Every structure is written in structure tokens, then in C-alpha cells.
Amino acid sequence: MRAVVQRVKEAWVSIDGRVVGKIPQGLLVLLGVGEGDTEEDGRYLAEKISNLRVFSDDQGKMNLSVRETGGEILAVSQFTLYGDCRKGRRPSFSSAAHPDVANQLYLDFVNVLRNQGLRVETGVFQAHMEVGLVNDGPVTLIVSSGGEF
């Protein structure tokens, strides 16, 4: 599983001009599920992301997590994180998980975060979405449950 994690002042996702998920300060998480990923990968990433110390403390150091700041998470499924651009000019998505598997693992990831007491908004799986954000910092990280990053 792969995630692009951005610290945001706000973020939202809309479909056909209608906002379906919106958060104030917190994290935007674009989540990709790969072939062979499991619930354990999702639990690992949810724990890692919710505890990442990427928010500033009173001294201006990145020492606080989204949980500690009371921030929220906007989680958006993003199969294109498994796009392989090494050959040709069109990305191959053959290493992305089948949609049925990916959707379930995405929902499991969201539920782990919610069970930690976090407020989590989502996009709509397989929908064409517009994602907007105000990146804070900017702080953008790539987090993986495997060894590829």
C-alpha cells in the first residue's frame, strides 16, 4: 500500500461540483492499494499516518501528530499511485489491486483511523473526483507498507 500524505490547512473532494468530503486543518491522504496488499498493510499505514509527527509544537518543531492536534483526515482512494511509467508513455496499472479488493482495503484503512477516534472524511471509490487543498508548509510525504519508498 502506498500513500501520499499532505499536511493541509484545509482539503476537500468534490464530484460533479458537489463537495462530498471536506476537512479543516489535518492530513490529506491519497491511498493506493497494490496487488497482494492485505488488511495488515492498511492497519500499518493507518497507525503510521495517524502518529506521524508532522505538526508544529510550541517551539515550531514538527513534534505533534494529527491525533495530538485534533486534526482531521481526508482519505481519497488513488489507484494511480501504482502507475508504472518505466516503459513507453502510457502508465501501466497492472500492479494496482483489483477494484473489489482495493475498495475493501481502502474502507478497512478508513475504519482503522475512525476506530482511533479520528474524524475521517472520504471521497467516493472509483468516481472521477476533484481534490482541492491548501498545503501547509508545504509538507508532503510518501508512506508505504512495503519497502519501495
N, C-alpha and C. Protein backbone atom coordinates (compact mmCIF):
# COMPACT_ATOMS: atom_id res chain seq x y z
N MET A 1 0.85 -1.17 0.00
CA MET A 1 0.00 0.00 0.00
C MET A 1 0.89 1.23 0.00
N ARG A 2 0.45 2.23 -0.71
CA ARG A 2 1.19 3.48 -0.80
C ARG A 2 0.27 4.65 -0.46
N ALA A 3 0.85 5.65 0.16
CA ALA A 3 0.08 6.85 0.48
C ALA A 3 0.92 8.09 0.25
N VAL A 4 0.30 9.10 -0.31
CA VAL A 4 0.86 10.43 -0.35
C VAL A 4 0.12 11.20 0.74
N VAL A 5 0.87 11.72 1.69
CA VAL A 5 0.29 12.38 2.86
C VAL A 5 0.69 13.85 2.82
N GLN A 6 -0.30 14.73 2.85
CA GLN A 6 -0.04 16.15 2.82
C GLN A 6 -0.65 16.82 4.04
N ARG A 7 0.18 17.63 4.72
CA ARG A 7 -0.34 18.43 5.83
C ARG A 7 -1.08 19.61 5.21
N VAL A 8 -2.33 19.80 5.61
CA VAL A 8 -3.17 20.81 4.97
C VAL A 8 -3.82 21.74 5.98
N LYS A 9 -4.07 22.95 5.52
CA LYS A 9 -4.88 23.90 6.30
C LYS A 9 -6.36 23.62 6.06
N GLU A 10 -6.65 23.05 4.88
CA GLU A 10 -7.98 22.55 4.56
C GLU A 10 -7.87 21.71 3.30
N ALA A 11 -8.83 20.81 3.12
CA ALA A 11 -8.88 19.98 1.91
C ALA A 11 -10.32 19.56 1.67
N TRP A 12 -10.62 19.31 0.41
CA TRP A 12 -11.97 18.90 0.05
C TRP A 12 -11.93 18.05 -1.21
N VAL A 13 -12.96 17.28 -1.40
CA VAL A 13 -13.11 16.49 -2.61
C VAL A 13 -14.54 16.69 -3.11
N SER A 14 -14.66 16.87 -4.43
CA SER A 14 -15.99 17.09 -5.00
C SER A 14 -16.19 16.20 -6.22
N ILE A 15 -17.46 15.93 -6.47
CA ILE A 15 -17.87 15.15 -7.64
C ILE A 15 -18.98 15.94 -8.33
N ASP A 16 -18.79 16.22 -9.60
CA ASP A 16 -19.76 17.00 -10.38
C ASP A 16 -20.14 18.30 -9.68
N GLY A 17 -19.13 18.97 -9.10
CA GLY A 17 -19.35 20.25 -8.46
C GLY A 17 -19.94 20.19 -7.06
N ARG A 18 -20.19 18.99 -6.53
CA ARG A 18 -20.77 18.84 -5.19
C ARG A 18 -19.70 18.31 -4.25
N VAL A 19 -19.45 19.04 -3.16
CA VAL A 19 -18.46 18.61 -2.17
C VAL A 19 -18.99 17.38 -1.44
N VAL A 20 -18.18 16.31 -1.46
CA VAL A 20 -18.58 15.06 -0.79
C VAL A 20 -17.74 14.78 0.45
N GLY A 21 -16.65 15.49 0.62
CA GLY A 21 -15.80 15.35 1.79
C GLY A 21 -14.98 16.60 1.97
N LYS A 22 -14.86 17.08 3.21
CA LYS A 22 -14.14 18.32 3.47
C LYS A 22 -13.61 18.29 4.89
N ILE A 23 -12.37 18.76 5.06
CA ILE A 23 -11.80 18.86 6.40
C ILE A 23 -11.15 20.22 6.57
N PRO A 24 -11.07 20.68 7.82
CA PRO A 24 -10.21 21.84 8.12
C PRO A 24 -8.79 21.31 8.30
N GLN A 25 -8.00 21.90 9.12
CA GLN A 25 -6.61 21.51 9.36
C GLN A 25 -6.48 20.01 9.62
N GLY A 26 -5.48 19.40 8.98
CA GLY A 26 -5.25 17.98 9.17
C GLY A 26 -4.39 17.40 8.08
N LEU A 27 -4.75 16.19 7.62
CA LEU A 27 -3.98 15.48 6.61
C LEU A 27 -4.87 15.06 5.45
N LEU A 28 -4.37 15.29 4.24
CA LEU A 28 -4.97 14.71 3.05
C LEU A 28 -4.16 13.46 2.75
N VAL A 29 -4.83 12.32 2.65
CA VAL A 29 -4.15 11.07 2.37
C VAL A 29 -4.70 10.51 1.06
N LEU A 30 -3.82 10.43 0.06
CA LEU A 30 -4.15 9.76 -1.19
C LEU A 30 -3.63 8.34 -1.05
N LEU A 31 -4.53 7.35 -1.09
CA LEU A 31 -4.18 5.97 -0.77
C LEU A 31 -4.29 5.07 -1.99
N GLY A 32 -3.20 4.39 -2.30
CA GLY A 32 -3.18 3.41 -3.39
C GLY A 32 -3.03 2.02 -2.82
N VAL A 33 -3.81 1.09 -3.35
CA VAL A 33 -3.76 -0.30 -2.92
C VAL A 33 -3.18 -1.14 -4.05
N GLY A 34 -2.15 -1.90 -3.71
CA GLY A 34 -1.48 -2.71 -4.71
C GLY A 34 -1.87 -4.17 -4.64
N GLU A 35 -1.59 -4.87 -5.73
CA GLU A 35 -1.85 -6.30 -5.79
C GLU A 35 -1.06 -6.98 -4.66
N GLY A 36 -1.73 -7.81 -3.89
CA GLY A 36 -1.09 -8.52 -2.79
C GLY A 36 -1.16 -7.80 -1.46
N ASP A 37 -1.66 -6.55 -1.44
CA ASP A 37 -1.81 -5.86 -0.17
C ASP A 37 -2.89 -6.52 0.67
N THR A 38 -2.76 -6.38 1.99
CA THR A 38 -3.67 -7.04 2.94
C THR A 38 -4.20 -6.04 3.96
N GLU A 39 -5.12 -6.51 4.80
CA GLU A 39 -5.62 -5.68 5.90
C GLU A 39 -4.48 -5.22 6.80
N GLU A 40 -3.49 -6.08 6.98
CA GLU A 40 -2.34 -5.72 7.82
C GLU A 40 -1.61 -4.51 7.25
N ASP A 41 -1.48 -4.42 5.93
CA ASP A 41 -0.86 -3.26 5.30
C ASP A 41 -1.65 -1.99 5.64
N GLY A 42 -2.97 -2.10 5.57
CA GLY A 42 -3.82 -0.96 5.88
C GLY A 42 -3.72 -0.54 7.34
N ARG A 43 -3.70 -1.52 8.24
CA ARG A 43 -3.54 -1.21 9.67
C ARG A 43 -2.21 -0.53 9.93
N TYR A 44 -1.16 -1.07 9.31
CA TYR A 44 0.17 -0.47 9.48
C TYR A 44 0.17 0.99 9.03
N LEU A 45 -0.36 1.24 7.82
CA LEU A 45 -0.36 2.60 7.30
C LEU A 45 -1.22 3.53 8.14
N ALA A 46 -2.38 3.06 8.57
CA ALA A 46 -3.26 3.89 9.39
C ALA A 46 -2.56 4.28 10.70
N GLU A 47 -1.90 3.32 11.33
CA GLU A 47 -1.16 3.60 12.57
C GLU A 47 -0.01 4.57 12.30
N LYS A 48 0.73 4.33 11.25
CA LYS A 48 1.88 5.17 10.91
C LYS A 48 1.43 6.60 10.63
N ILE A 49 0.43 6.75 9.79
CA ILE A 49 -0.02 8.08 9.38
C ILE A 49 -0.64 8.84 10.55
N SER A 50 -1.44 8.18 11.36
CA SER A 50 -2.10 8.89 12.46
C SER A 50 -1.11 9.33 13.54
N ASN A 51 0.06 8.72 13.55
CA ASN A 51 1.06 9.06 14.57
C ASN A 51 2.26 9.82 14.02
N LEU A 52 2.26 10.13 12.72
CA LEU A 52 3.37 10.91 12.15
C LEU A 52 3.44 12.28 12.81
N ARG A 53 4.61 12.63 13.26
CA ARG A 53 4.79 13.92 13.93
C ARG A 53 5.16 14.97 12.88
N VAL A 54 4.14 15.53 12.27
CA VAL A 54 4.34 16.50 11.19
C VAL A 54 3.72 17.86 11.47
N PHE A 55 3.16 18.03 12.66
CA PHE A 55 2.58 19.31 13.05
C PHE A 55 3.48 19.98 14.09
N SER A 56 3.54 21.30 14.04
CA SER A 56 4.46 22.04 14.89
C SER A 56 3.98 22.14 16.33
N ASP A 57 4.95 22.04 17.25
CA ASP A 57 4.67 22.26 18.67
C ASP A 57 4.87 23.75 18.98
N ASP A 58 4.88 24.09 20.26
CA ASP A 58 5.02 25.49 20.68
C ASP A 58 6.36 26.10 20.27
N GLN A 59 7.37 25.26 20.05
CA GLN A 59 8.70 25.74 19.65
C GLN A 59 8.88 25.73 18.12
N GLY A 60 7.84 25.39 17.39
CA GLY A 60 7.92 25.38 15.94
C GLY A 60 8.54 24.11 15.36
N LYS A 61 8.75 23.10 16.17
CA LYS A 61 9.32 21.83 15.70
C LYS A 61 8.19 20.86 15.35
N MET A 62 8.41 20.05 14.32
CA MET A 62 7.41 19.06 13.95
C MET A 62 7.45 17.92 14.96
N ASN A 63 6.65 18.05 16.01
CA ASN A 63 6.64 17.08 17.10
C ASN A 63 5.25 16.53 17.41
N LEU A 64 4.22 17.00 16.72
CA LEU A 64 2.85 16.60 17.05
C LEU A 64 2.21 15.85 15.88
N SER A 65 1.38 14.89 16.22
CA SER A 65 0.65 14.11 15.21
C SER A 65 -0.72 14.73 14.98
N VAL A 66 -1.39 14.25 13.96
CA VAL A 66 -2.76 14.71 13.68
C VAL A 66 -3.67 14.37 14.86
N ARG A 67 -3.41 13.26 15.51
CA ARG A 67 -4.20 12.88 16.69
C ARG A 67 -4.02 13.89 17.82
N GLU A 68 -2.77 14.31 18.02
CA GLU A 68 -2.46 15.22 19.13
C GLU A 68 -2.97 16.64 18.89
N THR A 69 -3.14 17.02 17.63
CA THR A 69 -3.59 18.37 17.32
C THR A 69 -5.11 18.47 17.17
N GLY A 70 -5.78 17.32 17.17
CA GLY A 70 -7.22 17.34 16.94
C GLY A 70 -7.56 17.54 15.48
N GLY A 71 -6.59 17.34 14.60
CA GLY A 71 -6.82 17.50 13.17
C GLY A 71 -7.67 16.36 12.62
N GLU A 72 -8.03 16.50 11.37
CA GLU A 72 -8.87 15.52 10.70
C GLU A 72 -8.14 14.95 9.50
N ILE A 73 -8.70 13.91 8.90
CA ILE A 73 -8.09 13.28 7.74
C ILE A 73 -9.11 13.19 6.61
N LEU A 74 -8.66 13.54 5.42
CA LEU A 74 -9.44 13.30 4.21
C LEU A 74 -8.71 12.20 3.45
N ALA A 75 -9.33 11.03 3.36
CA ALA A 75 -8.73 9.87 2.70
C ALA A 75 -9.38 9.66 1.34
N VAL A 76 -8.56 9.66 0.30
CA VAL A 76 -9.05 9.54 -1.07
C VAL A 76 -8.34 8.38 -1.74
N SER A 77 -9.10 7.45 -2.27
CA SER A 77 -8.54 6.31 -3.00
C SER A 77 -7.87 6.81 -4.28
N GLN A 78 -6.65 6.29 -4.56
CA GLN A 78 -5.88 6.79 -5.68
C GLN A 78 -5.08 5.66 -6.31
N PHE A 79 -5.73 4.88 -7.19
CA PHE A 79 -5.06 3.73 -7.79
C PHE A 79 -3.86 4.14 -8.64
N THR A 80 -3.84 5.39 -9.10
CA THR A 80 -2.75 5.82 -9.96
C THR A 80 -1.41 5.88 -9.24
N LEU A 81 -1.41 5.75 -7.92
CA LEU A 81 -0.14 5.66 -7.19
C LEU A 81 0.62 4.39 -7.57
N TYR A 82 -0.07 3.46 -8.19
CA TYR A 82 0.58 2.24 -8.68
C TYR A 82 0.84 2.30 -10.18
N GLY A 83 0.83 3.48 -10.76
CA GLY A 83 1.16 3.64 -12.17
C GLY A 83 2.64 3.42 -12.40
N ASP A 84 2.97 2.54 -13.32
CA ASP A 84 4.36 2.24 -13.68
C ASP A 84 4.67 2.98 -14.98
N CYS A 85 5.57 3.94 -14.90
CA CYS A 85 5.88 4.79 -16.05
C CYS A 85 7.23 4.46 -16.67
N ARG A 86 7.79 3.32 -16.35
CA ARG A 86 9.13 2.99 -16.83
C ARG A 86 9.17 2.67 -18.32
N LYS A 87 8.11 2.13 -18.88
CA LYS A 87 8.10 1.77 -20.30
C LYS A 87 7.08 2.65 -21.03
N GLY A 88 7.46 3.10 -22.18
CA GLY A 88 6.53 3.86 -23.02
C GLY A 88 6.11 5.17 -22.40
N ARG A 89 4.98 5.67 -22.87
CA ARG A 89 4.48 6.97 -22.40
C ARG A 89 3.16 6.86 -21.67
N ARG A 90 2.54 5.69 -21.71
CA ARG A 90 1.27 5.49 -21.01
C ARG A 90 1.56 4.64 -19.77
N PRO A 91 1.16 5.12 -18.59
CA PRO A 91 1.40 4.34 -17.37
C PRO A 91 0.67 3.00 -17.41
N SER A 92 1.28 2.00 -16.83
CA SER A 92 0.63 0.70 -16.66
C SER A 92 0.16 0.61 -15.21
N PHE A 93 -1.04 0.12 -15.03
CA PHE A 93 -1.60 0.00 -13.68
C PHE A 93 -1.78 -1.46 -13.29
N SER A 94 -1.01 -2.34 -13.90
CA SER A 94 -1.17 -3.77 -13.66
C SER A 94 -0.82 -4.19 -12.24
N SER A 95 -0.06 -3.39 -11.52
CA SER A 95 0.27 -3.76 -10.13
C SER A 95 -0.72 -3.19 -9.12
N ALA A 96 -1.72 -2.45 -9.58
CA ALA A 96 -2.79 -1.99 -8.68
C ALA A 96 -3.73 -3.16 -8.37
N ALA A 97 -4.27 -3.15 -7.18
CA ALA A 97 -5.20 -4.21 -6.78
C ALA A 97 -6.48 -4.15 -7.60
N HIS A 98 -7.15 -5.29 -7.75
CA HIS A 98 -8.46 -5.35 -8.39
C HIS A 98 -9.40 -4.41 -7.62
N PRO A 99 -10.29 -3.70 -8.31
CA PRO A 99 -11.15 -2.72 -7.63
C PRO A 99 -11.93 -3.27 -6.43
N ASP A 100 -12.45 -4.49 -6.51
CA ASP A 100 -13.20 -5.03 -5.37
C ASP A 100 -12.32 -5.16 -4.13
N VAL A 101 -11.12 -5.65 -4.33
CA VAL A 101 -10.16 -5.81 -3.23
C VAL A 101 -9.71 -4.44 -2.73
N ALA A 102 -9.38 -3.56 -3.67
CA ALA A 102 -8.89 -2.23 -3.31
C ALA A 102 -9.93 -1.46 -2.50
N ASN A 103 -11.18 -1.51 -2.92
CA ASN A 103 -12.22 -0.78 -2.19
C ASN A 103 -12.35 -1.29 -0.77
N GLN A 104 -12.35 -2.60 -0.57
CA GLN A 104 -12.48 -3.15 0.77
C GLN A 104 -11.29 -2.75 1.65
N LEU A 105 -10.08 -2.81 1.10
CA LEU A 105 -8.91 -2.43 1.89
C LEU A 105 -8.87 -0.93 2.17
N TYR A 106 -9.36 -0.13 1.25
CA TYR A 106 -9.49 1.31 1.47
C TYR A 106 -10.48 1.58 2.62
N LEU A 107 -11.63 0.91 2.59
CA LEU A 107 -12.62 1.07 3.66
C LEU A 107 -12.07 0.59 5.00
N ASP A 108 -11.32 -0.51 4.98
CA ASP A 108 -10.70 -1.01 6.21
C ASP A 108 -9.73 0.02 6.78
N PHE A 109 -8.91 0.64 5.91
CA PHE A 109 -7.97 1.68 6.32
C PHE A 109 -8.72 2.83 7.00
N VAL A 110 -9.79 3.29 6.37
CA VAL A 110 -10.59 4.39 6.93
C VAL A 110 -11.17 3.99 8.29
N ASN A 111 -11.66 2.76 8.40
CA ASN A 111 -12.24 2.31 9.67
C ASN A 111 -11.21 2.23 10.79
N VAL A 112 -9.98 1.82 10.47
CA VAL A 112 -8.93 1.80 11.49
C VAL A 112 -8.71 3.22 12.03
N LEU A 113 -8.63 4.19 11.13
CA LEU A 113 -8.45 5.57 11.56
C LEU A 113 -9.61 6.04 12.43
N ARG A 114 -10.83 5.74 12.01
CA ARG A 114 -12.01 6.15 12.78
C ARG A 114 -12.05 5.47 14.15
N ASN A 115 -11.64 4.21 14.19
CA ASN A 115 -11.61 3.50 15.47
C ASN A 115 -10.57 4.06 16.43
N GLN A 116 -9.63 4.84 15.91
CA GLN A 116 -8.66 5.53 16.75
C GLN A 116 -9.23 6.85 17.28
N GLY A 117 -10.45 7.15 16.92
CA GLY A 117 -11.09 8.38 17.38
C GLY A 117 -10.90 9.57 16.45
N LEU A 118 -10.32 9.33 15.28
CA LEU A 118 -10.12 10.43 14.34
C LEU A 118 -11.37 10.66 13.50
N ARG A 119 -11.60 11.91 13.15
CA ARG A 119 -12.67 12.23 12.21
C ARG A 119 -12.08 12.08 10.82
N VAL A 120 -12.71 11.25 9.99
CA VAL A 120 -12.20 10.96 8.66
C VAL A 120 -13.31 11.21 7.64
N GLU A 121 -13.00 12.02 6.66
CA GLU A 121 -13.87 12.22 5.51
C GLU A 121 -13.27 11.43 4.35
N THR A 122 -14.09 11.12 3.35
CA THR A 122 -13.61 10.32 2.23
C THR A 122 -14.12 10.87 0.91
N GLY A 123 -13.49 10.38 -0.14
CA GLY A 123 -14.00 10.57 -1.48
C GLY A 123 -14.95 9.42 -1.78
N VAL A 124 -15.21 9.20 -3.06
CA VAL A 124 -16.07 8.10 -3.50
C VAL A 124 -15.23 7.18 -4.38
N PHE A 125 -15.11 5.94 -3.98
CA PHE A 125 -14.27 4.98 -4.68
C PHE A 125 -14.67 4.88 -6.15
N GLN A 126 -13.71 4.94 -7.04
CA GLN A 126 -13.83 4.85 -8.49
C GLN A 126 -14.57 6.01 -9.15
N ALA A 127 -14.91 7.03 -8.41
CA ALA A 127 -15.55 8.19 -9.02
C ALA A 127 -14.49 9.13 -9.59
N HIS A 128 -14.87 9.91 -10.57
CA HIS A 128 -14.00 10.98 -11.07
C HIS A 128 -14.17 12.14 -10.10
N MET A 129 -13.10 12.45 -9.37
CA MET A 129 -13.17 13.45 -8.31
C MET A 129 -12.25 14.62 -8.60
N GLU A 130 -12.59 15.76 -8.03
CA GLU A 130 -11.71 16.91 -8.00
C GLU A 130 -11.29 17.07 -6.55
N VAL A 131 -9.98 17.14 -6.32
CA VAL A 131 -9.46 17.27 -4.96
C VAL A 131 -8.80 18.63 -4.85
N GLY A 132 -9.19 19.38 -3.83
CA GLY A 132 -8.60 20.69 -3.57
C GLY A 132 -7.96 20.71 -2.20
N LEU A 133 -6.92 21.50 -2.08
CA LEU A 133 -6.24 21.58 -0.78
C LEU A 133 -5.45 22.86 -0.67
N VAL A 134 -5.20 23.24 0.57
CA VAL A 134 -4.24 24.28 0.88
C VAL A 134 -3.15 23.57 1.66
N ASN A 135 -2.03 23.29 0.96
CA ASN A 135 -0.92 22.56 1.57
C ASN A 135 -0.25 23.47 2.58
N ASP A 136 0.02 22.96 3.76
CA ASP A 136 0.60 23.72 4.86
C ASP A 136 2.08 23.39 4.97
N GLY A 137 2.93 24.30 4.56
CA GLY A 137 4.36 24.10 4.70
C GLY A 137 5.13 24.49 3.45
N PRO A 138 5.07 23.76 2.39
CA PRO A 138 4.34 22.51 2.20
C PRO A 138 5.03 21.34 2.87
N VAL A 139 4.21 20.45 3.38
CA VAL A 139 4.68 19.18 3.93
C VAL A 139 3.97 18.09 3.16
N THR A 140 4.74 17.31 2.41
CA THR A 140 4.22 16.20 1.62
C THR A 140 5.15 15.01 1.80
N LEU A 141 4.59 13.87 2.20
CA LEU A 141 5.38 12.67 2.45
C LEU A 141 4.80 11.50 1.67
N ILE A 142 5.68 10.56 1.32
CA ILE A 142 5.25 9.31 0.73
C ILE A 142 5.48 8.23 1.77
N VAL A 143 4.42 7.48 2.08
CA VAL A 143 4.49 6.44 3.10
C VAL A 143 4.04 5.13 2.46
N SER A 144 4.73 4.05 2.79
CA SER A 144 4.42 2.76 2.19
C SER A 144 4.44 1.67 3.23
N SER A 145 3.62 0.66 3.01
CA SER A 145 3.64 -0.50 3.91
C SER A 145 4.71 -1.49 3.49
N GLY A 146 5.27 -1.31 2.29
CA GLY A 146 6.34 -2.18 1.80
C GLY A 146 7.66 -1.45 1.82
N GLY A 147 8.65 -2.01 1.19
CA GLY A 147 9.97 -1.44 1.21
C GLY A 147 10.31 -0.56 0.03
N GLU A 148 9.32 -0.20 -0.81
CA GLU A 148 9.64 0.50 -2.04
C GLU A 148 9.95 1.98 -1.88
N PHE A 149 9.66 2.58 -0.73
CA PHE A 149 9.98 4.01 -0.55
C PHE A 149 10.98 4.16 0.56
